[in-house]
Amino acid sequence: MAHRADLAGPARVDATGWGWRHAGRRRAALQGIDLSIEPGERVLLLGPSGSGKSTLLHALAGVLGGDDEGEQTGSLRIDGRPAASARGRAGLVLQDPDSQVILARVGDDVAFGCENLGVPRDETWRRVADAIDAVGLDLPLHHPTSRLSGGQKQRLALAGAIAMRPGLLLLDEPTANLDPDGVAEVREAVARVLDRTGATLVVVEHRVEVWRHLVDRVVILGADGAIVADGAPADVLAARADELAAAGVWVPGVPLGVPEASRADVADAGDTGLLGARDLAIGRHRAPVLHEGLAIALPAGTSTVLTGPNGAGKSTLALTLGGLLAPRAGSVVASPALARGLGASPVRWRSRDLLTRVGTVFQEPEHQFVAATVRDEVAVAPRALGLATSEVDARVDQVLTRLRLNHLAGANPFTLSGGEARRLSVGAVLATRPDVVILDEPTFGQDRLGWVELVRLLHELVRDGTTLLSVTHDLAYVASLGERRIELDLHDRAGSRA
C-alpha cells in the first residue's frame, strides 16, 4: 500500500541553483533558483507570463518530464528527497483544469488521487464529500464531468488535490475562471484546509489581491526566470510597487491606464444589430436546455461583456452566437451587412465563411491549436483565405509583435505558458480581421503587461468598427470594455439581463 501522504505533515522545499530548459527552446525557463520554503509556509509566486512559474510547480509535483522534454540543472528537493521521487507529497492543481479531468463522474474523479495513494475506501469517500463541499461544487457525485463548465472544472481539480491531504499544496491560477463568489469560496476552502492540516502552500496567481492576506511570503520571478524579490507581502509590494508593475506583476493600487467604458443604452429587443438572437434557447447537444427566450443584439462597432456565475451557460451562448453550436430553439440572426450574400443563420455557414465574419476564441486555448509553431498558428487562417504570402507575413508579424509573441515565433504552441497561449489564440483569430470577435475569458492567465496591451488592442478594434463580445469574470475588464452588458442568471434561466 502506498504511504499516506496526510500523515507525513507539512513539506519542506529546497532548491539550489535549480534551472530548467525546455527542449527546443533557446532560453531557459528558469535558472539559478535558490529557494527554501519551511514546512507550513504559505508562498505566493508572482511574475510575468512566461517567467517559469508553472514550470516550477510542475517540477515540485514531480511531473515536469524526463530528459527528452528538457534539461535540468542544480537540485530541487522535497523533505530532502529529489522532487521527482517524492510524488504523493504534493497535490497540484494545473493552470488548465480541463487537462486534469480523468474520470467520467465527479465523485470518481475527486477520489482518483486518494485511491492512488492507497487511502482506505471509507476514508476516501469521506474525504471526497468534504472536499466537494469545501470548494462549493454543488453537484451530485454521479454528475458527468463532461457537463462541467470551466469554472466547475477548476473546483473539481482543487477538490481532487485537497482530498489527497498533501503536505505541499501547489495551485496554478486556481481562481482564474471563477466568478467573484467562486473566487472567495475557493480561497476560503484553501484557507480551511491549510488551517486544518498545516500544509505548505505555493500558489501562482497574477492577481495579488486574491491571496495577499492568506500568504506570509511573496516570491517574484523576473522575465529571465530568476528570483528578483522575496519577502513579506507588504514589504515587497510596498518597496517595489512601480518596478513590479512595470515587470507585469498585478500590484494592488497601481492604475492600469486603460480607458473606462461608458455604459450605452441597450438596443430595442426587436433589433438584432449586426449579430443577435430572437427567442433563443441554448444547450449543448443532448444536454439539458440552459436558457430559453433570449433576445440579444450586438450592434456594429460596440463592445459587449457577457457575465454571470459559473455554469450559467455563458460559453454555450457565446458558441451559439458564433455559429459553432446550433440553437436548441429560436434563431441566431446575422444582418445582411454581416452575412454578405450568405443566409442569416451563422451555424449554416462554412468554416471558411466564418473566418472573416465571426471569429471565436475558445475558453481553452489549446483546443484551437493546429500548427507546429507559433508563427504558423497565426498564419493558418490567413492562408486558408488564400491571401498572398506577403500579406500573410505582414499580418502575422503585426499580430506577434502587438501581442508580445514575436520572440516565441518558432516555439511549439503547446509549450507556451497559459498567458502566452491565450494571447496566441486571440492573435490567430484577429489575423483574419473578422467583423465580429467573440472572446471567452480573454484575460485568463495574463500578467499586467499582457492584460493592458490586449485591452488597448481591443479598444482599437472596436473604434475601427469591430463588434466585440467577451465572456468574462474579470471586473477590471468589464469596467474597461463593458459598454454593453448581458448577465446570465444561474437560477432564473428564462432570459437574460442586459
Protein backbone atom coordinates (compact mmCIF):
# COMPACT_ATOMS: atom_id res chain seq x y z
CA MET A 1 0.00 0.00 0.00
CA ALA A 2 1.27 3.48 -0.82
CA HIS A 3 2.21 5.68 2.13
CA ARG A 4 -0.48 8.01 3.45
CA ALA A 5 0.59 11.50 2.39
CA ASP A 6 -1.53 13.22 5.02
CA LEU A 7 0.32 11.54 7.91
CA ALA A 8 3.69 12.99 6.94
CA GLY A 9 2.92 16.59 7.91
CA PRO A 10 3.78 19.77 6.02
CA ALA A 11 6.56 19.51 3.45
CA ARG A 12 9.84 21.40 3.17
CA VAL A 13 11.13 22.65 -0.20
CA ASP A 14 14.77 23.34 -1.06
CA ALA A 15 16.13 24.49 -4.42
CA THR A 16 19.84 25.03 -5.01
CA GLY A 17 20.97 26.52 -8.30
CA TRP A 18 17.99 24.86 -9.92
CA GLY A 19 17.04 25.53 -13.51
CA TRP A 20 15.12 24.04 -16.42
CA ARG A 21 15.35 24.49 -20.17
CA HIS A 22 12.57 23.13 -22.38
CA ALA A 23 13.74 21.01 -25.29
CA GLY A 24 13.87 23.14 -28.42
CA ARG A 25 13.77 26.46 -26.53
CA ARG A 26 16.80 28.74 -26.68
CA ARG A 27 16.21 30.40 -23.31
CA ALA A 28 16.00 28.57 -20.01
CA ALA A 29 12.52 28.71 -18.43
CA LEU A 30 14.16 29.00 -15.01
CA GLN A 31 17.75 29.46 -13.94
CA GLY A 32 19.79 29.69 -10.77
CA ILE A 33 16.84 29.26 -8.40
CA ASP A 34 17.97 29.27 -4.76
CA LEU A 35 14.92 28.90 -2.56
CA SER A 36 13.98 27.34 0.78
CA ILE A 37 10.37 27.06 1.94
CA GLU A 38 9.84 25.99 5.53
CA PRO A 39 7.15 23.44 6.45
CA GLY A 40 3.79 25.20 6.73
CA GLU A 41 4.83 28.39 4.93
CA ARG A 42 2.35 29.95 2.53
CA VAL A 43 4.03 31.38 -0.55
CA LEU A 44 2.58 33.45 -3.39
CA LEU A 45 4.68 33.02 -6.54
CA LEU A 46 4.45 36.00 -8.90
CA GLY A 47 6.00 37.02 -12.19
CA PRO A 48 5.23 37.95 -15.79
CA SER A 49 3.78 35.42 -18.24
CA GLY A 50 6.48 33.01 -19.39
CA SER A 51 8.76 33.57 -16.39
CA GLY A 52 8.54 29.90 -15.38
CA LYS A 53 6.02 29.90 -12.54
CA SER A 54 4.04 26.91 -13.83
CA THR A 55 7.28 25.09 -14.70
CA LEU A 56 8.44 25.37 -11.10
CA LEU A 57 5.14 23.99 -9.79
CA HIS A 58 5.30 21.06 -12.22
CA ALA A 59 8.85 20.32 -11.06
CA LEU A 60 7.81 20.36 -7.39
CA ALA A 61 4.97 17.94 -8.19
CA GLY A 62 7.40 15.60 -9.96
CA VAL A 63 5.60 15.82 -13.31
CA LEU A 64 7.96 18.06 -15.27
CA GLY A 65 9.11 15.32 -17.65
CA GLY A 66 12.28 13.45 -18.46
CA ASP A 67 15.45 14.24 -20.38
CA ASP A 68 13.59 14.14 -23.70
CA GLU A 69 11.44 17.11 -22.61
CA GLY A 70 14.17 19.34 -21.25
CA GLU A 71 17.39 19.78 -19.32
CA GLN A 72 17.56 20.25 -15.54
CA THR A 73 20.38 21.85 -13.59
CA GLY A 74 21.02 22.10 -9.85
CA SER A 75 18.82 20.34 -7.30
CA LEU A 76 15.17 20.55 -6.25
CA ARG A 77 14.17 18.62 -3.13
CA ILE A 78 11.08 17.99 -1.03
CA ASP A 79 11.85 16.85 2.53
CA GLY A 80 15.42 16.16 1.43
CA ARG A 81 14.42 13.89 -1.46
CA PRO A 82 14.54 14.74 -5.17
CA ALA A 83 11.15 16.21 -6.08
CA ALA A 84 10.67 13.67 -8.87
CA SER A 85 10.87 10.80 -6.34
CA ALA A 86 8.61 12.45 -3.76
CA ARG A 87 5.35 12.08 -5.67
CA GLY A 88 2.39 11.87 -3.35
CA ARG A 89 3.72 14.58 -1.07
CA ALA A 90 2.40 17.28 -3.39
CA GLY A 91 -1.08 17.96 -4.69
CA LEU A 92 -1.11 20.01 -7.90
CA VAL A 93 -3.96 21.98 -9.46
CA LEU A 94 -2.94 22.81 -13.01
CA GLN A 95 -3.43 26.10 -14.82
CA ASP A 96 -5.73 24.28 -17.27
CA PRO A 97 -8.18 22.27 -15.12
CA ASP A 98 -9.63 20.61 -18.23
CA SER A 99 -6.40 18.63 -18.56
CA GLN A 100 -6.87 17.19 -15.05
CA VAL A 101 -10.33 15.72 -15.60
CA ILE A 102 -9.73 11.95 -15.71
CA LEU A 103 -12.91 10.07 -14.93
CA ALA A 104 -16.49 10.36 -16.14
CA ARG A 105 -18.20 11.19 -12.84
CA VAL A 106 -17.48 13.94 -10.34
CA GLY A 107 -17.11 11.70 -7.29
CA ASP A 108 -14.83 9.20 -9.04
CA ASP A 109 -12.62 11.99 -10.32
CA VAL A 110 -12.14 13.52 -6.87
CA ALA A 111 -11.42 10.06 -5.43
CA PHE A 112 -8.77 9.22 -8.03
CA GLY A 113 -5.78 10.67 -6.17
CA CYS A 114 -6.74 9.10 -2.85
CA GLU A 115 -7.10 5.71 -4.50
CA ASN A 116 -3.61 6.02 -5.99
CA LEU A 117 -2.25 6.79 -2.52
CA GLY A 118 -3.87 3.68 -1.08
CA VAL A 119 -6.28 5.53 1.20
CA PRO A 120 -8.93 3.07 2.54
CA ARG A 121 -12.25 3.18 0.70
CA ASP A 122 -14.40 4.53 3.55
CA GLU A 123 -11.87 7.25 4.32
CA THR A 124 -11.57 8.11 0.62
CA TRP A 125 -15.28 8.80 0.26
CA ARG A 126 -15.39 10.83 3.47
CA ARG A 127 -12.62 12.97 2.02
CA VAL A 128 -14.39 13.24 -1.32
CA ALA A 129 -17.56 14.57 0.33
CA ASP A 130 -15.58 17.02 2.48
CA ALA A 131 -13.53 18.28 -0.48
CA ILE A 132 -16.52 18.78 -2.78
CA ASP A 133 -18.32 20.70 -0.04
CA ALA A 134 -15.22 22.78 0.74
CA VAL A 135 -14.84 24.08 -2.81
CA GLY A 136 -18.54 24.79 -3.32
CA LEU A 137 -19.09 22.26 -6.11
CA ASP A 138 -22.80 21.80 -5.50
CA LEU A 139 -23.29 18.73 -7.68
CA PRO A 140 -24.12 15.06 -7.04
CA LEU A 141 -21.26 12.55 -7.08
CA HIS A 142 -22.63 10.90 -10.22
CA HIS A 143 -22.77 14.16 -12.22
CA PRO A 144 -20.91 13.76 -15.57
CA THR A 145 -17.60 15.61 -15.69
CA SER A 146 -18.22 16.19 -19.41
CA ARG A 147 -21.01 18.61 -18.49
CA LEU A 148 -18.98 20.88 -16.23
CA SER A 149 -18.22 24.50 -17.07
CA GLY A 150 -14.65 25.75 -17.00
CA GLY A 151 -15.10 27.18 -13.51
CA GLN A 152 -16.67 23.97 -12.25
CA LYS A 153 -13.69 22.02 -13.59
CA GLN A 154 -11.40 24.28 -11.58
CA ARG A 155 -13.35 23.48 -8.43
CA LEU A 156 -13.22 19.78 -9.31
CA ALA A 157 -9.44 19.84 -9.74
CA LEU A 158 -8.98 21.66 -6.43
CA ALA A 159 -11.26 19.17 -4.67
CA GLY A 160 -9.16 16.29 -6.00
CA ALA A 161 -5.98 17.87 -4.68
CA ILE A 162 -7.50 18.73 -1.30
CA ALA A 163 -8.84 15.19 -0.86
CA MET A 164 -5.29 13.81 -1.04
CA ARG A 165 -4.36 15.85 2.07
CA PRO A 166 -0.93 16.68 0.61
CA GLY A 167 1.99 18.03 2.62
CA LEU A 168 2.61 20.52 -0.20
CA LEU A 169 -0.36 22.11 -1.97
CA LEU A 170 0.53 23.60 -5.38
CA LEU A 171 -2.06 25.84 -7.03
CA ASP A 172 -1.59 27.29 -10.53
CA GLU A 173 -4.08 30.13 -11.16
CA PRO A 174 -6.80 28.25 -9.21
CA THR A 175 -9.38 31.05 -9.43
CA ALA A 176 -8.75 32.29 -12.98
CA ASN A 177 -12.08 31.13 -14.47
CA LEU A 178 -14.26 31.60 -11.40
CA ASP A 179 -16.95 34.19 -10.79
CA PRO A 180 -16.30 36.57 -7.85
CA ASP A 181 -18.28 34.42 -5.41
CA GLY A 182 -16.37 31.37 -6.60
CA VAL A 183 -13.04 33.12 -6.05
CA ALA A 184 -13.98 33.83 -2.45
CA GLU A 185 -15.24 30.27 -1.93
CA VAL A 186 -12.07 28.68 -3.28
CA ARG A 187 -9.78 30.98 -1.31
CA GLU A 188 -11.67 30.22 1.89
CA ALA A 189 -11.65 26.50 1.11
CA VAL A 190 -7.88 26.59 0.74
CA ALA A 191 -7.58 28.56 3.99
CA ARG A 192 -9.65 25.98 5.87
CA VAL A 193 -7.54 23.12 4.52
CA LEU A 194 -4.29 24.87 5.45
CA ASP A 195 -5.54 25.72 8.93
CA ARG A 196 -6.64 22.13 9.49
CA THR A 197 -3.61 20.34 8.03
CA GLY A 198 -0.79 22.87 8.28
CA ALA A 199 0.24 22.01 4.72
CA THR A 200 2.82 24.08 2.89
CA LEU A 201 1.33 26.22 0.11
CA VAL A 202 2.77 27.55 -3.12
CA VAL A 203 0.19 29.40 -5.21
CA VAL A 204 0.71 31.04 -8.60
CA GLU A 205 -1.67 33.90 -9.27
CA HIS A 206 -1.39 37.09 -11.32
CA ARG A 207 -3.94 38.89 -9.15
CA VAL A 208 -2.12 39.63 -5.91
CA GLU A 209 -5.19 40.88 -4.08
CA VAL A 210 -6.83 37.44 -4.12
CA TRP A 211 -4.18 35.77 -1.95
CA ARG A 212 -2.15 38.52 -0.27
CA HIS A 213 -3.91 38.16 3.10
CA LEU A 214 -3.63 34.36 3.14
CA VAL A 215 0.09 34.07 2.38
CA ASP A 216 3.02 35.07 4.56
CA ARG A 217 5.62 35.33 1.81
CA VAL A 218 5.90 36.57 -1.78
CA VAL A 219 8.49 35.25 -4.25
CA ILE A 220 8.76 37.04 -7.58
CA LEU A 221 10.35 35.68 -10.74
CA GLY A 222 11.66 38.02 -13.39
CA ALA A 223 11.20 37.68 -17.13
CA ASP A 224 14.57 35.88 -17.30
CA GLY A 225 13.39 33.12 -14.94
CA ALA A 226 15.43 34.24 -11.93
CA ILE A 227 14.18 35.33 -8.50
CA VAL A 228 14.04 39.15 -8.28
CA ALA A 229 12.25 39.61 -4.94
CA ASP A 230 11.47 37.51 -1.88
CA GLY A 231 9.93 38.60 1.41
CA ALA A 232 6.84 39.53 3.38
CA PRO A 233 3.97 40.60 1.08
CA ALA A 234 3.56 44.11 2.49
CA ASP A 235 7.31 44.80 2.40
CA VAL A 236 7.92 43.51 -1.13
CA LEU A 237 4.85 45.11 -2.69
CA ALA A 238 5.30 48.48 -0.98
CA ALA A 239 9.01 48.82 -1.64
CA ARG A 240 8.93 47.83 -5.31
CA ALA A 241 5.38 48.60 -6.46
CA ASP A 242 6.22 50.59 -9.61
CA GLU A 243 9.08 48.30 -10.61
CA LEU A 244 6.94 45.19 -10.18
CA ALA A 245 4.01 46.70 -12.08
CA ALA A 246 6.34 47.59 -14.95
CA ALA A 247 7.52 43.96 -14.99
CA GLY A 248 3.96 42.66 -15.30
CA VAL A 249 3.01 41.95 -11.69
CA TRP A 250 -0.53 42.85 -10.64
CA VAL A 251 0.31 45.20 -7.76
CA PRO A 252 -2.82 46.43 -5.93
CA GLY A 253 -3.46 50.15 -6.18
CA VAL A 254 -1.33 50.86 -9.27
CA PRO A 255 -3.55 52.35 -12.03
CA LEU A 256 -3.89 50.32 -15.23
CA GLY A 257 -4.00 53.29 -17.58
CA VAL A 258 -6.73 51.94 -19.89
CA PRO A 259 -10.00 53.66 -20.92
CA GLU A 260 -13.12 53.15 -18.85
CA ALA A 261 -16.32 52.04 -20.53
CA SER A 262 -19.23 54.40 -20.96
CA ARG A 263 -22.46 52.48 -20.49
CA ALA A 264 -24.61 52.62 -23.63
CA ASP A 265 -28.36 52.27 -23.92
CA VAL A 266 -29.43 48.73 -24.79
CA ALA A 267 -30.86 48.36 -28.28
CA ASP A 268 -34.52 47.52 -28.69
CA ALA A 269 -35.12 43.77 -28.33
CA GLY A 270 -36.64 43.64 -31.79
CA ASP A 271 -33.39 44.83 -33.38
CA THR A 272 -30.71 42.12 -33.54
CA GLY A 273 -27.96 44.52 -34.62
CA LEU A 274 -25.07 43.18 -36.69
CA LEU A 275 -25.48 39.81 -34.94
CA GLY A 276 -28.11 38.77 -32.44
CA ALA A 277 -30.77 36.32 -31.37
CA ARG A 278 -34.54 36.04 -31.23
CA ASP A 279 -36.38 33.80 -28.75
CA LEU A 280 -33.16 31.78 -28.43
CA ALA A 281 -32.80 28.57 -26.39
CA ILE A 282 -29.29 27.26 -25.78
CA GLY A 283 -27.78 23.98 -24.62
CA ARG A 284 -25.08 21.53 -25.59
CA HIS A 285 -26.01 18.56 -27.77
CA ARG A 286 -28.14 16.06 -25.79
CA ALA A 287 -27.67 18.12 -22.61
CA PRO A 288 -30.48 20.00 -20.84
CA VAL A 289 -31.55 23.39 -22.19
CA LEU A 290 -29.75 26.09 -20.18
CA HIS A 291 -31.74 29.17 -21.19
CA GLU A 292 -34.68 29.95 -23.43
CA GLY A 293 -36.42 33.05 -24.71
CA LEU A 294 -33.18 35.01 -25.06
CA ALA A 295 -33.30 38.25 -27.08
CA ILE A 296 -29.82 39.62 -27.81
CA ALA A 297 -28.48 42.39 -30.03
CA LEU A 298 -24.83 43.13 -30.85
CA PRO A 299 -24.76 46.45 -32.72
CA ALA A 300 -21.90 47.08 -35.13
CA GLY A 301 -18.80 48.61 -33.58
CA THR A 302 -19.79 48.00 -29.95
CA SER A 303 -18.23 46.11 -27.07
CA THR A 304 -20.47 43.82 -25.02
CA VAL A 305 -19.47 41.76 -21.99
CA LEU A 306 -21.31 38.59 -21.02
CA THR A 307 -21.18 37.85 -17.29
CA GLY A 308 -22.78 35.51 -14.78
CA PRO A 309 -21.92 32.72 -12.35
CA ASN A 310 -20.10 29.56 -13.35
CA GLY A 311 -22.39 27.05 -15.00
CA ALA A 312 -24.91 29.67 -16.17
CA GLY A 313 -24.25 28.90 -19.84
CA LYS A 314 -22.05 31.83 -20.89
CA SER A 315 -19.68 29.76 -23.05
CA THR A 316 -22.61 27.87 -24.56
CA LEU A 317 -24.29 31.15 -25.51
CA ALA A 318 -21.06 32.50 -26.99
CA LEU A 319 -20.52 29.39 -29.12
CA THR A 320 -24.14 29.52 -30.29
CA LEU A 321 -23.88 33.18 -31.31
CA GLY A 322 -20.60 32.36 -33.05
CA GLY A 323 -22.23 29.76 -35.29
CA LEU A 324 -20.42 26.83 -33.64
CA LEU A 325 -23.40 25.38 -31.76
CA ALA A 326 -26.91 25.01 -33.15
CA PRO A 327 -29.72 26.79 -31.25
CA ARG A 328 -31.99 24.43 -29.35
CA ALA A 329 -34.88 26.72 -30.34
CA GLY A 330 -35.30 30.20 -31.79
CA SER A 331 -32.63 31.67 -34.01
CA VAL A 332 -29.29 33.45 -34.26
CA VAL A 333 -29.57 36.17 -36.89
CA ALA A 334 -26.79 37.77 -38.91
CA SER A 335 -27.62 41.07 -40.57
CA PRO A 336 -27.21 41.39 -44.36
CA ALA A 337 -24.11 43.53 -43.73
CA LEU A 338 -22.51 40.61 -41.87
CA ALA A 339 -23.88 37.75 -43.96
CA ARG A 340 -22.77 39.38 -47.25
CA GLY A 341 -24.77 37.13 -49.51
CA LEU A 342 -24.96 34.13 -47.18
CA GLY A 343 -28.03 33.05 -45.22
CA ALA A 344 -28.93 34.76 -41.96
CA SER A 345 -28.04 31.72 -39.79
CA PRO A 346 -24.28 31.55 -38.97
CA VAL A 347 -24.42 27.89 -37.92
CA ARG A 348 -25.10 27.04 -41.58
CA TRP A 349 -22.03 28.86 -42.85
CA ARG A 350 -18.85 27.04 -43.85
CA SER A 351 -15.84 27.46 -41.59
CA ARG A 352 -14.07 29.46 -44.30
CA ASP A 353 -17.03 31.85 -44.42
CA LEU A 354 -16.87 32.35 -40.67
CA LEU A 355 -13.19 33.39 -40.76
CA THR A 356 -13.82 36.95 -41.95
CA ARG A 357 -17.27 37.33 -40.38
CA VAL A 358 -17.28 35.84 -36.87
CA GLY A 359 -14.07 34.82 -35.08
CA THR A 360 -14.37 32.88 -31.80
CA VAL A 361 -11.66 32.32 -29.19
CA PHE A 362 -12.43 29.31 -27.01
CA GLN A 363 -12.07 29.23 -23.23
CA GLU A 364 -9.32 26.59 -23.56
CA PRO A 365 -6.65 27.98 -25.95
CA GLU A 366 -5.05 24.64 -26.79
CA HIS A 367 -8.34 23.37 -28.25
CA GLN A 368 -7.72 25.68 -31.22
CA PHE A 369 -4.06 24.97 -31.92
CA VAL A 370 -3.33 23.05 -35.13
CA ALA A 371 0.19 24.12 -36.18
CA ALA A 372 3.67 23.17 -35.02
CA THR A 373 4.95 26.69 -34.40
CA VAL A 374 3.51 29.93 -33.05
CA ARG A 375 4.12 31.72 -36.34
CA ASP A 376 2.38 29.03 -38.38
CA GLU A 377 -0.55 29.02 -35.94
CA VAL A 378 -1.24 32.70 -36.61
CA ALA A 379 -0.80 32.10 -40.35
CA VAL A 380 -3.25 29.18 -40.63
CA ALA A 381 -6.44 31.19 -41.14
CA PRO A 382 -4.98 33.90 -43.44
CA ARG A 383 -3.57 31.14 -45.64
CA ALA A 384 -6.97 29.44 -45.69
CA LEU A 385 -8.39 32.68 -47.08
CA GLY A 386 -5.96 32.45 -49.99
CA LEU A 387 -4.13 35.67 -49.15
CA ALA A 388 -0.83 36.41 -50.86
CA THR A 389 2.26 35.28 -48.97
CA SER A 390 3.39 38.87 -48.43
CA GLU A 391 0.01 39.78 -46.89
CA VAL A 392 0.04 36.68 -44.67
CA ASP A 393 3.55 37.53 -43.43
CA ALA A 394 2.59 41.16 -42.78
CA ARG A 395 -0.46 40.18 -40.72
CA VAL A 396 1.45 37.55 -38.77
CA ASP A 397 4.28 39.95 -37.95
CA GLN A 398 1.81 42.60 -36.80
CA VAL A 399 -0.07 40.20 -34.51
CA LEU A 400 3.06 38.62 -32.99
CA THR A 401 4.63 42.00 -32.26
CA ARG A 402 1.49 43.55 -30.81
CA LEU A 403 0.79 40.61 -28.51
CA ARG A 404 4.44 40.22 -27.39
CA LEU A 405 4.83 36.81 -29.02
CA ASN A 406 7.45 37.57 -31.68
CA HIS A 407 10.26 36.09 -29.57
CA LEU A 408 8.29 32.81 -29.48
CA ALA A 409 7.59 32.60 -33.22
CA GLY A 410 9.44 29.29 -33.59
CA ALA A 411 8.12 27.66 -30.40
CA ASN A 412 5.53 24.90 -30.31
CA PRO A 413 2.19 26.36 -29.16
CA PHE A 414 1.79 23.57 -26.62
CA THR A 415 4.98 24.64 -24.79
CA LEU A 416 3.69 28.15 -24.07
CA SER A 417 2.63 29.38 -20.67
CA GLY A 418 -1.09 29.83 -20.07
CA GLY A 419 -0.92 33.58 -20.63
CA GLU A 420 1.13 33.20 -23.82
CA ALA A 421 -1.25 30.53 -25.14
CA ARG A 422 -4.24 32.81 -24.52
CA ARG A 423 -2.61 35.68 -26.43
CA LEU A 424 -1.79 33.30 -29.29
CA SER A 425 -5.39 32.08 -29.53
CA VAL A 426 -6.60 35.68 -29.68
CA GLY A 427 -3.98 36.62 -32.26
CA ALA A 428 -4.84 33.68 -34.51
CA VAL A 429 -8.43 34.95 -34.73
CA LEU A 430 -7.52 38.62 -35.16
CA ALA A 431 -5.26 37.78 -38.11
CA THR A 432 -8.34 37.29 -40.32
CA ARG A 433 -9.85 40.63 -39.24
CA PRO A 434 -13.41 39.36 -38.70
CA ASP A 435 -16.36 41.75 -38.31
CA VAL A 436 -17.38 40.12 -35.02
CA VAL A 437 -14.92 38.82 -32.42
CA ILE A 438 -16.17 36.57 -29.61
CA LEU A 439 -13.73 36.02 -26.75
CA ASP A 440 -14.25 33.50 -23.94
CA GLU A 441 -12.24 34.56 -20.86
CA PRO A 442 -9.74 36.61 -22.91
CA THR A 443 -7.64 37.73 -19.93
CA PHE A 444 -7.16 34.30 -18.35
CA GLY A 445 -3.53 33.87 -17.23
CA GLN A 446 -2.42 37.36 -18.29
CA ASP A 447 0.19 39.33 -16.44
CA ARG A 448 -0.39 43.06 -16.06
CA LEU A 449 1.53 43.98 -19.24
CA GLY A 450 -0.26 41.40 -21.38
CA TRP A 451 -3.62 42.45 -19.96
CA VAL A 452 -3.07 46.14 -20.66
CA GLU A 453 -1.79 45.50 -24.19
CA LEU A 454 -4.70 43.19 -25.00
CA VAL A 455 -7.33 45.57 -23.62
CA ARG A 456 -5.85 48.52 -25.53
CA LEU A 457 -5.80 46.45 -28.73
CA LEU A 458 -9.47 45.50 -28.27
CA HIS A 459 -10.40 49.15 -27.73
CA GLU A 460 -8.69 49.98 -31.02
CA LEU A 461 -10.57 47.22 -32.82
CA VAL A 462 -13.91 48.49 -31.53
CA ARG A 463 -13.03 52.08 -32.52
CA ASP A 464 -12.24 50.77 -36.02
CA GLY A 465 -15.67 49.13 -36.28
CA THR A 466 -15.20 45.59 -34.93
CA THR A 467 -18.11 44.21 -32.91
CA LEU A 468 -16.83 42.59 -29.72
CA LEU A 469 -18.48 40.11 -27.35
CA SER A 470 -16.47 38.96 -24.33
CA VAL A 471 -17.31 36.28 -21.78
CA THR A 472 -15.54 37.27 -18.58
CA HIS A 473 -15.40 37.25 -14.78
CA ASP A 474 -12.69 39.92 -14.83
CA LEU A 475 -14.14 43.02 -13.15
CA ALA A 476 -11.37 45.30 -14.42
CA TYR A 477 -12.04 44.09 -17.96
CA VAL A 478 -15.76 44.74 -17.51
CA ALA A 479 -15.02 48.26 -16.26
CA SER A 480 -12.94 48.98 -19.36
CA LEU A 481 -14.82 47.16 -22.13
CA GLY A 482 -18.32 46.72 -20.72
CA GLU A 483 -20.00 49.34 -22.87
CA ARG A 484 -22.97 46.99 -23.08
CA ARG A 485 -23.56 44.18 -20.62
CA ILE A 486 -25.51 40.94 -20.63
CA GLU A 487 -25.84 38.92 -17.44
CA LEU A 488 -26.94 35.30 -17.41
CA ASP A 489 -28.54 34.07 -14.21
CA LEU A 490 -27.82 30.58 -12.92
CA HIS A 491 -31.21 30.03 -11.36
CA ASP A 492 -33.64 32.04 -13.50
CA ARG A 493 -32.99 30.50 -16.89
CA ALA A 494 -35.84 32.07 -18.75
CA GLY A 495 -33.83 35.01 -20.02
CA SER A 496 -31.02 37.49 -19.51
CA ARG A 497 -30.47 40.97 -18.20
CA ALA A 498 -28.59 43.50 -20.33
